[in-house]
Every structure is written in C-alpha cells, then in structure tokens.
Amino acid sequence: MKPSADKSMTVRLPADLASQLDKLMEATGRNKSAITVAALRDYVAAEVWQIQDIKQGIAEADRGEFASDSEVHSFFAKYGG
C-alpha cells in the first residue's frame, strides 16, 4: 500500500484569528502549517471521541441501560448537585 501524500488546503481566517496565529508563530517559532495541523488534529480527535461517546450512549439507552432512581440519588448524595 502506497503511503498517503500530504494534501494542501486553503482556508480563509477572520482577521482576529489570523492575528492570533501570527502572534503564536512568533512566540513559539513554529510555522502556520505546524500550528494549524496540531490544532486540527486536536479538534478532529475531540469531535470523533464525542460522536463515538454519543453513539455509545444512544445504544445503551436503546438497550434500556439506565441508572436506577436509587443509583442517581446515591451519586448526587455522594458528589453533590
């Protein structure tokens, strides 16, 4: 299997975000591409995790796997709320 090549992408940024990115580049010595790739990796990973967690919760609910009233009360008694 052939390794995937890097792909380029053009993005329009709001002026304030572009300014923040420039300041971050200066402060870290990293280039725009490195900062943007790191940010997108973190964002995509968080979104994928959240979607998987939601799907898991829906599947549990579809199976009728809910906490009982006493389990909920016990949790809030222990941790507040």
Protein backbone atom coordinates (compact mmCIF):
# COMPACT_ATOMS: atom_id res chain seq x y z
CA MET A 1 0.00 0.00 0.00
CA LYS A 2 1.37 3.40 -1.01
CA PRO A 3 1.76 5.91 1.85
CA SER A 4 -0.60 8.85 1.64
CA ALA A 5 0.82 12.15 0.49
CA ASP A 6 0.27 15.40 2.32
CA LYS A 7 -2.54 17.46 0.90
CA SER A 8 -2.77 21.23 0.84
CA MET A 9 -5.80 23.26 1.84
CA THR A 10 -6.67 26.92 1.59
CA VAL A 11 -8.63 28.47 4.43
CA ARG A 12 -9.93 31.98 4.93
CA LEU A 13 -9.45 33.16 8.50
CA PRO A 14 -11.14 36.02 10.30
CA ALA A 15 -8.65 38.86 10.78
CA ASP A 16 -8.56 38.44 14.57
CA LEU A 17 -7.76 34.72 14.31
CA ALA A 18 -5.07 35.36 11.69
CA SER A 19 -3.52 37.92 14.02
CA GLN A 20 -3.56 35.46 16.93
CA LEU A 21 -1.98 32.82 14.71
CA ASP A 22 0.79 35.25 13.71
CA LYS A 23 1.48 36.05 17.37
CA LEU A 24 1.56 32.35 18.22
CA MET A 25 4.02 31.73 15.39
CA GLU A 26 6.31 34.44 16.73
CA ALA A 27 6.05 33.19 20.32
CA THR A 28 6.65 29.51 19.52
CA GLY A 29 8.90 29.65 16.47
CA ARG A 30 6.57 27.21 14.75
CA ASN A 31 5.17 27.83 11.28
CA LYS A 32 1.49 28.29 10.40
CA SER A 33 1.22 24.83 8.92
CA ALA A 34 2.57 23.09 12.04
CA ILE A 35 0.29 25.08 14.35
CA THR A 36 -2.76 24.56 12.14
CA VAL A 37 -2.17 20.82 11.73
CA ALA A 38 -1.77 20.40 15.50
CA ALA A 39 -4.97 22.36 16.14
CA LEU A 40 -6.94 20.40 13.54
CA ARG A 41 -5.67 17.07 14.90
CA ASP A 42 -6.84 18.00 18.40
CA TYR A 43 -10.20 19.26 17.12
CA VAL A 44 -10.88 16.22 14.94
CA ALA A 45 -9.87 13.82 17.73
CA ALA A 46 -12.22 15.57 20.18
CA GLU A 47 -15.10 15.53 17.69
CA VAL A 48 -14.57 11.85 16.84
CA TRP A 49 -14.47 10.96 20.56
CA GLN A 50 -17.64 12.96 21.25
CA ILE A 51 -19.55 11.38 18.36
CA GLN A 52 -18.48 7.88 19.43
CA ASP A 53 -19.47 8.61 23.04
CA ILE A 54 -22.89 9.90 21.96
CA LYS A 55 -23.48 6.84 19.76
CA GLN A 56 -22.49 4.57 22.65
CA GLY A 57 -24.91 6.40 24.96
CA ILE A 58 -27.73 6.09 22.45
CA ALA A 59 -27.02 2.37 22.03
CA GLU A 60 -27.08 1.90 25.81
CA ALA A 61 -30.36 3.80 26.04
CA ASP A 62 -31.82 1.71 23.20
CA ARG A 63 -30.92 -1.39 25.22
CA GLY A 64 -32.66 0.11 28.26
CA GLU A 65 -29.44 0.55 30.21
CA PHE A 66 -30.33 3.43 32.52
CA ALA A 67 -29.28 4.23 36.04
CA SER A 68 -31.98 3.45 38.58
CA ASP A 69 -33.50 6.22 40.68
CA SER A 70 -31.58 4.97 43.72
CA GLU A 71 -28.28 4.99 41.77
CA VAL A 72 -28.90 8.58 40.68
CA HIS A 73 -29.81 9.69 44.19
CA SER A 74 -26.78 7.89 45.61
CA PHE A 75 -24.49 9.60 43.10
CA PHE A 76 -25.80 13.07 43.89
CA ALA A 77 -25.73 12.37 47.62
CA LYS A 78 -22.05 11.46 47.30
CA TYR A 79 -20.90 14.15 44.85
CA GLY A 80 -23.45 16.93 45.40
CA GLY A 81 -25.68 18.55 42.92
